[in-house]
C-alpha atoms as a PDB file:
ATOM      1  CA  UNK A   1      16.602 -11.476 -25.216  1.00  0.00           C
ATOM      2  CA  UNK A   2      18.705 -11.681 -22.051  1.00  0.00           C
ATOM      3  CA  UNK A   3      16.478 -13.570 -19.367  1.00  0.00           C
ATOM      4  CA  UNK A   4      15.808 -10.605 -16.594  1.00  0.00           C
ATOM      5  CA  UNK A   5      14.453  -8.864 -19.531  1.00  0.00           C
ATOM      6  CA  UNK A   6      11.920 -10.871 -19.810  1.00  0.00           C
ATOM      7  CA  UNK A   7      11.037 -11.405 -16.790  1.00  0.00           C
ATOM      8  CA  UNK A   8      11.149  -8.086 -16.568  1.00  0.00           C
ATOM      9  CA  UNK A   9       9.461  -6.825 -18.837  1.00  0.00           C
ATOM     10  CA  UNK A  10       6.866  -9.869 -18.145  1.00  0.00           C
ATOM     11  CA  UNK A  11       6.412  -8.030 -14.186  1.00  0.00           C
ATOM     12  CA  UNK A  12       5.773  -4.885 -15.734  1.00  0.00           C
ATOM     13  CA  UNK A  13       2.829  -5.687 -18.266  1.00  0.00           C
ATOM     14  CA  UNK A  14       1.423  -8.266 -15.246  1.00  0.00           C
ATOM     15  CA  UNK A  15       1.801  -5.196 -12.569  1.00  0.00           C
ATOM     16  CA  UNK A  16       0.155  -2.764 -15.039  1.00  0.00           C
ATOM     17  CA  UNK A  17      -2.310  -4.738 -16.281  1.00  0.00           C
ATOM     18  CA  UNK A  18      -2.855  -6.153 -12.227  1.00  0.00           C
ATOM     19  CA  UNK A  19      -3.590  -1.891 -11.609  1.00  0.00           C
ATOM     20  CA  UNK A  20      -5.515  -1.042 -14.177  1.00  0.00           C
ATOM     21  CA  UNK A  21      -8.325  -4.512 -15.064  1.00  0.00           C
ATOM     22  CA  UNK A  22      -7.809  -6.534 -11.765  1.00  0.00           C
ATOM     23  CA  UNK A  23      -6.099  -9.691 -11.472  1.00  0.00           C
ATOM     24  CA  UNK A  24      -9.724 -12.125 -12.034  1.00  0.00           C
ATOM     25  CA  UNK A  25     -10.007  -9.343 -14.940  1.00  0.00           C
ATOM     26  CA  UNK A  26      -6.137  -9.627 -16.306  1.00  0.00           C
ATOM     27  CA  UNK A  27      -5.373 -12.892 -18.169  1.00  0.00           C
ATOM     28  CA  UNK A  28      -2.102 -14.557 -18.599  1.00  0.00           C
ATOM     29  CA  UNK A  29      -2.765 -14.260 -23.269  1.00  0.00           C
ATOM     30  CA  UNK A  30      -3.365 -10.420 -22.698  1.00  0.00           C
ATOM     31  CA  UNK A  31       0.460 -10.500 -20.207  1.00  0.00           C
ATOM     32  CA  UNK A  32       1.723 -11.885 -22.571  1.00  0.00           C
ATOM     33  CA  UNK A  33       0.762  -9.375 -25.223  1.00  0.00           C
ATOM     34  CA  UNK A  34       1.488  -5.992 -23.521  1.00  0.00           C
ATOM     35  CA  UNK A  35       4.947  -7.440 -22.590  1.00  0.00           C
ATOM     36  CA  UNK A  36       5.395  -9.335 -26.294  1.00  0.00           C
ATOM     37  CA  UNK A  37       6.360 -12.801 -24.887  1.00  0.00           C
ATOM     38  CA  UNK A  38       4.918 -16.102 -25.691  1.00  0.00           C
ATOM     39  CA  UNK A  39       3.140 -17.755 -23.088  1.00  0.00           C
ATOM     40  CA  UNK A  40       5.529 -20.244 -22.405  1.00  0.00           C
ATOM     41  CA  UNK A  41       8.405 -18.089 -21.390  1.00  0.00           C
ATOM     42  CA  UNK A  42       5.340 -17.483 -18.536  1.00  0.00           C
ATOM     43  CA  UNK A  43       5.192 -20.993 -17.464  1.00  0.00           C
ATOM     44  CA  UNK A  44       8.774 -21.255 -17.634  1.00  0.00           C
ATOM     45  CA  UNK A  45       9.235 -18.027 -15.308  1.00  0.00           C
ATOM     46  CA  UNK A  46       7.068 -18.050 -12.868  1.00  0.00           C
ATOM     47  CA  UNK A  47       4.643 -21.677 -13.731  1.00  0.00           C
ATOM     48  CA  UNK A  48       1.013 -20.227 -13.129  1.00  0.00           C
ATOM     49  CA  UNK A  49      -0.668 -16.786 -12.924  1.00  0.00           C
ATOM     50  CA  UNK A  50      -0.943 -17.222  -8.666  1.00  0.00           C
ATOM     51  CA  UNK A  51       2.628 -16.966  -8.729  1.00  0.00           C
ATOM     52  CA  UNK A  52       3.236 -14.618 -11.231  1.00  0.00           C
ATOM     53  CA  UNK A  53       0.942 -12.438  -9.591  1.00  0.00           C
ATOM     54  CA  UNK A  54       3.412 -13.368  -6.139  1.00  0.00           C
ATOM     55  CA  UNK A  55       6.602 -12.004  -7.948  1.00  0.00           C
ATOM     56  CA  UNK A  56       4.523  -9.041  -8.642  1.00  0.00           C
ATOM     57  CA  UNK A  57       4.266  -8.033  -5.278  1.00  0.00           C
ATOM     58  CA  UNK A  58       7.627  -9.543  -4.153  1.00  0.00           C
ATOM     59  CA  UNK A  59       9.583  -7.081  -6.457  1.00  0.00           C
ATOM     60  CA  UNK A  60       8.434  -4.605  -4.723  1.00  0.00           C
ATOM     61  CA  UNK A  61       7.643  -5.892  -0.879  1.00  0.00           C
ATOM     62  CA  UNK A  62      11.113  -7.580  -0.537  1.00  0.00           C
ATOM     63  CA  UNK A  63      13.319  -4.423  -1.012  1.00  0.00           C
ATOM     64  CA  UNK A  64      11.031  -2.577   0.744  1.00  0.00           C
ATOM     65  CA  UNK A  65      10.941  -4.852   4.129  1.00  0.00           C
ATOM     66  CA  UNK A  66      14.552  -4.276   3.906  1.00  0.00           C
ATOM     67  CA  UNK A  67      14.403  -0.835   4.051  1.00  0.00           C
ATOM     68  CA  UNK A  68      11.425  -0.823   6.413  1.00  0.00           C
ATOM     69  CA  UNK A  69      13.524  -2.933   9.385  1.00  0.00           C
ATOM     70  CA  UNK A  70      16.384  -0.959   8.862  1.00  0.00           C
ATOM     71  CA  UNK A  71      13.543   2.533   9.017  1.00  0.00           C
ATOM     72  CA  UNK A  72      12.516   0.902  12.579  1.00  0.00           C
ATOM     73  CA  UNK A  73      16.256  -0.293  13.454  1.00  0.00           C
ATOM     74  CA  UNK A  74      17.881   3.054  13.473  1.00  0.00           C
ATOM     75  CA  UNK A  75      14.372   4.996  14.774  1.00  0.00           C
ATOM     76  CA  UNK A  76      14.513   3.113  18.303  1.00  0.00           C
ATOM     77  CA  UNK A  77      17.675   3.390  18.302  1.00  0.00           C
ATOM     78  CA  UNK A  78      17.192   7.027  18.487  1.00  0.00           C
ATOM     79  CA  UNK A  79      14.570   6.942  20.697  1.00  0.00           C
ATOM     80  CA  UNK A  80      17.119   4.950  23.271  1.00  0.00           C
ATOM     81  CA  UNK A  81      14.494   2.473  25.305  1.00  0.00           C
ATOM     82  CA  UNK A  82      10.925   5.026  25.187  1.00  0.00           C
ATOM     83  CA  UNK A  83       8.855   4.117  22.490  1.00  0.00           C
ATOM     84  CA  UNK A  84       8.955   5.654  18.673  1.00  0.00           C
ATOM     85  CA  UNK A  85       5.966   8.333  19.047  1.00  0.00           C
ATOM     86  CA  UNK A  86       2.666   7.637  16.255  1.00  0.00           C
ATOM     87  CA  UNK A  87       4.183  10.572  13.936  1.00  0.00           C
ATOM     88  CA  UNK A  88       7.371   8.818  14.432  1.00  0.00           C
ATOM     89  CA  UNK A  89       5.946   5.408  13.389  1.00  0.00           C
ATOM     90  CA  UNK A  90       4.024   6.077  10.313  1.00  0.00           C
ATOM     91  CA  UNK A  91       6.652   8.981   9.084  1.00  0.00           C
ATOM     92  CA  UNK A  92       8.996   5.517   9.274  1.00  0.00           C
ATOM     93  CA  UNK A  93       7.120   3.742   7.136  1.00  0.00           C
ATOM     94  CA  UNK A  94       6.206   6.450   4.289  1.00  0.00           C
ATOM     95  CA  UNK A  95       9.343   7.597   4.138  1.00  0.00           C
ATOM     96  CA  UNK A  96      10.842   4.476   3.079  1.00  0.00           C
ATOM     97  CA  UNK A  97       7.819   4.327   0.615  1.00  0.00           C
ATOM     98  CA  UNK A  98       8.310   7.147  -1.208  1.00  0.00           C
ATOM     99  CA  UNK A  99      12.792   6.898  -0.788  1.00  0.00           C
ATOM    100  CA  UNK A 100      12.226   3.288  -3.034  1.00  0.00           C
ATOM    101  CA  UNK A 101      13.796   3.489  -6.049  1.00  0.00           C
ATOM    102  CA  UNK A 102      11.197   3.087  -8.783  1.00  0.00           C
ATOM    103  CA  UNK A 103      10.558   2.123 -12.769  1.00  0.00           C
ATOM    104  CA  UNK A 104       8.891   4.310 -13.203  1.00  0.00           C
ATOM    105  CA  UNK A 105       6.986   7.794 -12.215  1.00  0.00           C
ATOM    106  CA  UNK A 106       4.312   5.840 -11.232  1.00  0.00           C
ATOM    107  CA  UNK A 107       5.708   2.930  -9.542  1.00  0.00           C
ATOM    108  CA  UNK A 108       4.359   4.173  -6.334  1.00  0.00           C
ATOM    109  CA  UNK A 109       0.778   4.804  -7.068  1.00  0.00           C
ATOM    110  CA  UNK A 110       0.441   1.338  -9.219  1.00  0.00           C
ATOM    111  CA  UNK A 111       1.144  -0.375  -6.357  1.00  0.00           C
ATOM    112  CA  UNK A 112      -0.927   1.279  -3.850  1.00  0.00           C
ATOM    113  CA  UNK A 113      -3.696   0.090  -6.189  1.00  0.00           C
ATOM    114  CA  UNK A 114      -2.644  -3.273  -6.246  1.00  0.00           C
ATOM    115  CA  UNK A 115      -2.149  -3.475  -2.451  1.00  0.00           C
ATOM    116  CA  UNK A 116      -6.064  -2.193  -2.186  1.00  0.00           C
ATOM    117  CA  UNK A 117      -6.674  -4.448  -4.321  1.00  0.00           C
ATOM    118  CA  UNK A 118      -5.446  -7.910  -2.852  1.00  0.00           C
ATOM    119  CA  UNK A 119      -7.822  -6.670  -0.018  1.00  0.00           C
ATOM    120  CA  UNK A 120     -10.611  -5.523  -2.146  1.00  0.00           C
ATOM    121  CA  UNK A 121     -10.290  -8.900  -4.992  1.00  0.00           C
ATOM    122  CA  UNK A 122     -11.003 -12.770  -3.429  1.00  0.00           C
ATOM    123  CA  UNK A 123      -7.352 -12.943  -3.802  1.00  0.00           C
ATOM    124  CA  UNK A 124      -6.711 -15.883  -0.532  1.00  0.00           C
ATOM    125  CA  UNK A 125      -3.428 -16.881  -1.657  1.00  0.00           C
ATOM    126  CA  UNK A 126      -2.186 -13.354  -2.224  1.00  0.00           C
ATOM    127  CA  UNK A 127      -2.752 -12.213   1.345  1.00  0.00           C
ATOM    128  CA  UNK A 128      -1.784 -15.897   2.727  1.00  0.00           C
ATOM    129  CA  UNK A 129       1.225 -15.081   1.004  1.00  0.00           C
ATOM    130  CA  UNK A 130       2.203 -11.454   2.092  1.00  0.00           C
ATOM    131  CA  UNK A 131       1.527 -13.229   6.049  1.00  0.00           C
ATOM    132  CA  UNK A 132       4.146 -15.376   5.103  1.00  0.00           C
ATOM    133  CA  UNK A 133       7.027 -13.700   3.825  1.00  0.00           C
ATOM    134  CA  UNK A 134       6.382 -10.143   5.327  1.00  0.00           C
ATOM    135  CA  UNK A 135       4.794 -10.944   8.835  1.00  0.00           C
ATOM    136  CA  UNK A 136       7.973  -9.753  10.241  1.00  0.00           C
ATOM    137  CA  UNK A 137       8.251  -6.135   8.978  1.00  0.00           C
ATOM    138  CA  UNK A 138       4.656  -5.585   9.461  1.00  0.00           C
ATOM    139  CA  UNK A 139       4.233  -7.460  12.794  1.00  0.00           C
ATOM    140  CA  UNK A 140       6.856  -4.796  13.726  1.00  0.00           C
ATOM    141  CA  UNK A 141       4.867  -1.900  12.617  1.00  0.00           C
ATOM    142  CA  UNK A 142       1.670  -3.642  14.080  1.00  0.00           C
ATOM    143  CA  UNK A 143       3.806  -3.400  18.208  1.00  0.00           C
ATOM    144  CA  UNK A 144       4.952  -0.141  17.589  1.00  0.00           C
ATOM    145  CA  UNK A 145       1.482   1.014  16.647  1.00  0.00           C
ATOM    146  CA  UNK A 146       0.182  -0.666  19.493  1.00  0.00           C
ATOM    147  CA  UNK A 147       2.728   1.039  21.814  1.00  0.00           C
ATOM    148  CA  UNK A 148       1.949   4.323  20.694  1.00  0.00           C
ATOM    149  CA  UNK A 149      -1.692   4.134  21.461  1.00  0.00           C
ATOM    150  CA  UNK A 150      -1.938   2.414  24.558  1.00  0.00           C
ATOM    151  CA  UNK A 151      -5.219   4.683  25.234  1.00  0.00           C
ATOM    152  CA  UNK A 152      -6.589   2.533  22.785  1.00  0.00           C
ATOM    153  CA  UNK A 153      -9.305  -0.382  22.970  1.00  0.00           C
ATOM    154  CA  UNK A 154      -8.063  -3.288  20.786  1.00  0.00           C
ATOM    155  CA  UNK A 155     -11.746  -2.650  18.761  1.00  0.00           C
ATOM    156  CA  UNK A 156     -10.629   1.074  18.424  1.00  0.00           C
ATOM    157  CA  UNK A 157      -7.174   0.319  17.074  1.00  0.00           C
ATOM    158  CA  UNK A 158      -7.906  -2.569  14.606  1.00  0.00           C
ATOM    159  CA  UNK A 159     -10.898   0.244  12.910  1.00  0.00           C
ATOM    160  CA  UNK A 160      -8.428   2.904  12.962  1.00  0.00           C
ATOM    161  CA  UNK A 161      -6.096   1.149  11.235  1.00  0.00           C
ATOM    162  CA  UNK A 162      -8.139   0.132   8.613  1.00  0.00           C
ATOM    163  CA  UNK A 163      -9.458   3.917   8.054  1.00  0.00           C
ATOM    164  CA  UNK A 164      -5.365   4.762   8.141  1.00  0.00           C
ATOM    165  CA  UNK A 165      -4.908   2.015   5.417  1.00  0.00           C
ATOM    166  CA  UNK A 166      -7.924   3.307   3.447  1.00  0.00           C
ATOM    167  CA  UNK A 167      -6.851   7.029   3.217  1.00  0.00           C
ATOM    168  CA  UNK A 168      -3.608   5.635   2.628  1.00  0.00           C
ATOM    169  CA  UNK A 169      -4.504   3.204  -0.281  1.00  0.00           C
ATOM    170  CA  UNK A 170      -7.134   5.838  -1.592  1.00  0.00           C
ATOM    171  CA  UNK A 171      -4.366   9.169  -1.870  1.00  0.00           C
ATOM    172  CA  UNK A 172      -1.642   6.880  -3.101  1.00  0.00           C
ATOM    173  CA  UNK A 173      -2.951   5.114  -5.614  1.00  0.00           C
ATOM    174  CA  UNK A 174      -4.069   8.250  -6.732  1.00  0.00           C
ATOM    175  CA  UNK A 175      -2.028  10.640  -6.547  1.00  0.00           C
ATOM    176  CA  UNK A 176      -1.517  11.172  -9.933  1.00  0.00           C
ATOM    177  CA  UNK A 177      -4.784  12.694 -10.302  1.00  0.00           C
ATOM    178  CA  UNK A 178      -5.198  13.926  -7.606  1.00  0.00           C
ATOM    179  CA  UNK A 179      -2.145  16.080  -8.223  1.00  0.00           C
ATOM    180  CA  UNK A 180      -3.491  17.182 -11.605  1.00  0.00           C
ATOM    181  CA  UNK A 181      -5.907  18.352 -10.031  1.00  0.00           C
ATOM    182  CA  UNK A 182      -4.569  20.545  -7.996  1.00  0.00           C
ATOM    183  CA  UNK A 183      -2.031  21.816 -10.708  1.00  0.00           C
ATOM    184  CA  UNK A 184      -5.587  22.629 -13.379  1.00  0.00           C
ATOM    185  CA  UNK A 185      -7.607  23.770  -9.458  1.00  0.00           C
ATOM    186  CA  UNK A 186      -4.949  26.219  -7.852  1.00  0.00           C
ATOM    187  CA  UNK A 187      -2.038  25.914  -9.840  1.00  0.00           C
ATOM    188  CA  UNK A 188       0.174  24.430  -7.212  1.00  0.00           C
ATOM    189  CA  UNK A 189       2.666  21.618  -8.232  1.00  0.00           C
ATOM    190  CA  UNK A 190       3.427  18.615  -6.188  1.00  0.00           C
ATOM    191  CA  UNK A 191       5.067  16.343  -5.203  1.00  0.00           C
ATOM    192  CA  UNK A 192       4.636  12.153  -4.082  1.00  0.00           C
ATOM    193  CA  UNK A 193       6.737  13.462  -0.862  1.00  0.00           C
ATOM    194  CA  UNK A 194       5.055  15.897  -0.105  1.00  0.00           C
ATOM    195  CA  UNK A 195       2.000  14.188  -0.059  1.00  0.00           C
ATOM    196  CA  UNK A 196       3.477  12.376   2.092  1.00  0.00           C
ATOM    197  CA  UNK A 197       4.899  15.070   4.377  1.00  0.00           C
ATOM    198  CA  UNK A 198       0.746  16.199   4.628  1.00  0.00           C
ATOM    199  CA  UNK A 199      -0.767  12.295   4.986  1.00  0.00           C
ATOM    200  CA  UNK A 200       1.112  11.402   7.980  1.00  0.00           C
ATOM    201  CA  UNK A 201       0.007  14.070  10.174  1.00  0.00           C
ATOM    202  CA  UNK A 202      -3.878  13.429   9.128  1.00  0.00           C
ATOM    203  CA  UNK A 203      -3.666   9.608   9.508  1.00  0.00           C
ATOM    204  CA  UNK A 204      -1.924  10.546  13.122  1.00  0.00           C
ATOM    205  CA  UNK A 205      -4.377  13.363  13.874  1.00  0.00           C
ATOM    206  CA  UNK A 206      -6.947   9.822  13.426  1.00  0.00           C
ATOM    207  CA  UNK A 207      -5.155   6.999  14.963  1.00  0.00           C
ATOM    208  CA  UNK A 208      -5.181   9.805  18.381  1.00  0.00           C
ATOM    209  CA  UNK A 209      -8.748  11.185  17.340  1.00  0.00           C
ATOM    210  CA  UNK A 210     -10.884  11.290  21.226  1.00  0.00           C
ATOM    211  CA  UNK A 211     -12.426   7.480  22.274  1.00  0.00           C
ATOM    212  CA  UNK A 212     -16.005   8.699  21.259  1.00  0.00           C
ATOM    213  CA  UNK A 213     -18.606   7.735  18.753  1.00  0.00           C
ATOM    214  CA  UNK A 214     -20.451   9.795  17.667  1.00  0.00           C
ATOM    215  CA  UNK A 215     -24.340   9.019  18.421  1.00  0.00           C
ATOM    216  CA  UNK A 216     -27.116   8.998  15.318  1.00  0.00           C
ATOM    217  CA  UNK A 217     -29.981  10.978  15.035  1.00  0.00           C
ATOM    218  CA  UNK A 218     -32.762  10.244  15.185  1.00  0.00           C
ATOM    219  CA  UNK A 219     -34.692   8.864  11.820  1.00  0.00           C
ATOM    220  CA  UNK A 220     -37.213  11.496  10.733  1.00  0.00           C
ATOM    221  CA  UNK A 221     -40.617  10.332  10.830  1.00  0.00           C
ATOM    222  CA  UNK A 222     -42.063  11.122   6.886  1.00  0.00           C
ATOM    223  CA  UNK A 223     -45.756  11.352   6.750  1.00  0.00           C
ATOM    224  CA  UNK A 224     -47.567  10.213   4.317  1.00  0.00           C
ATOM    225  CA  UNK A 225     -50.564  12.033   2.435  1.00  0.00           C
END
């Protein structure tokens, strides 16, 4: 078995198991069993479980970051010195993701599930790795978001970005199930590209919603007999 094939088998197995079970709940022995390799192969190619987790993310994020930087370069050139609109910025990010070559039809949904787990599970080493390796393209994305929403306070922008990321992670990580539901309920087929095209204007509308907090209703008093 060639070394590149062994590495791909390990990464494919790790990616799928991490997405299904989580990082802490997935052991190296589970990965080696699924990949049909021995533990020595994992240690040889990656050295540790943390390094394997990093490699799973890098396999998607490194080429994605390059594609995203190119998309932002093209976008800013087209805008000729004017700040890109929010829709343009969000579509550049989304289109870069869906244009990435996928190893299988569930590639984007699996990765989005992993990205959500990176922030919901205690994986400080992973967040540090992502910040160190990919701060440039995602810092640029945040700058473009800020320029497109000058009316927002820093606090409002922070929360709306979190809501936007949450909606994106849920929708794209569940895209297979959502497509099946749409097919079964309404008899309509859809693609990941169409989902993204529907998602972007929704996200933009949320980011640009009126700056008004809803007032919680008064607590109702319950009489005790």
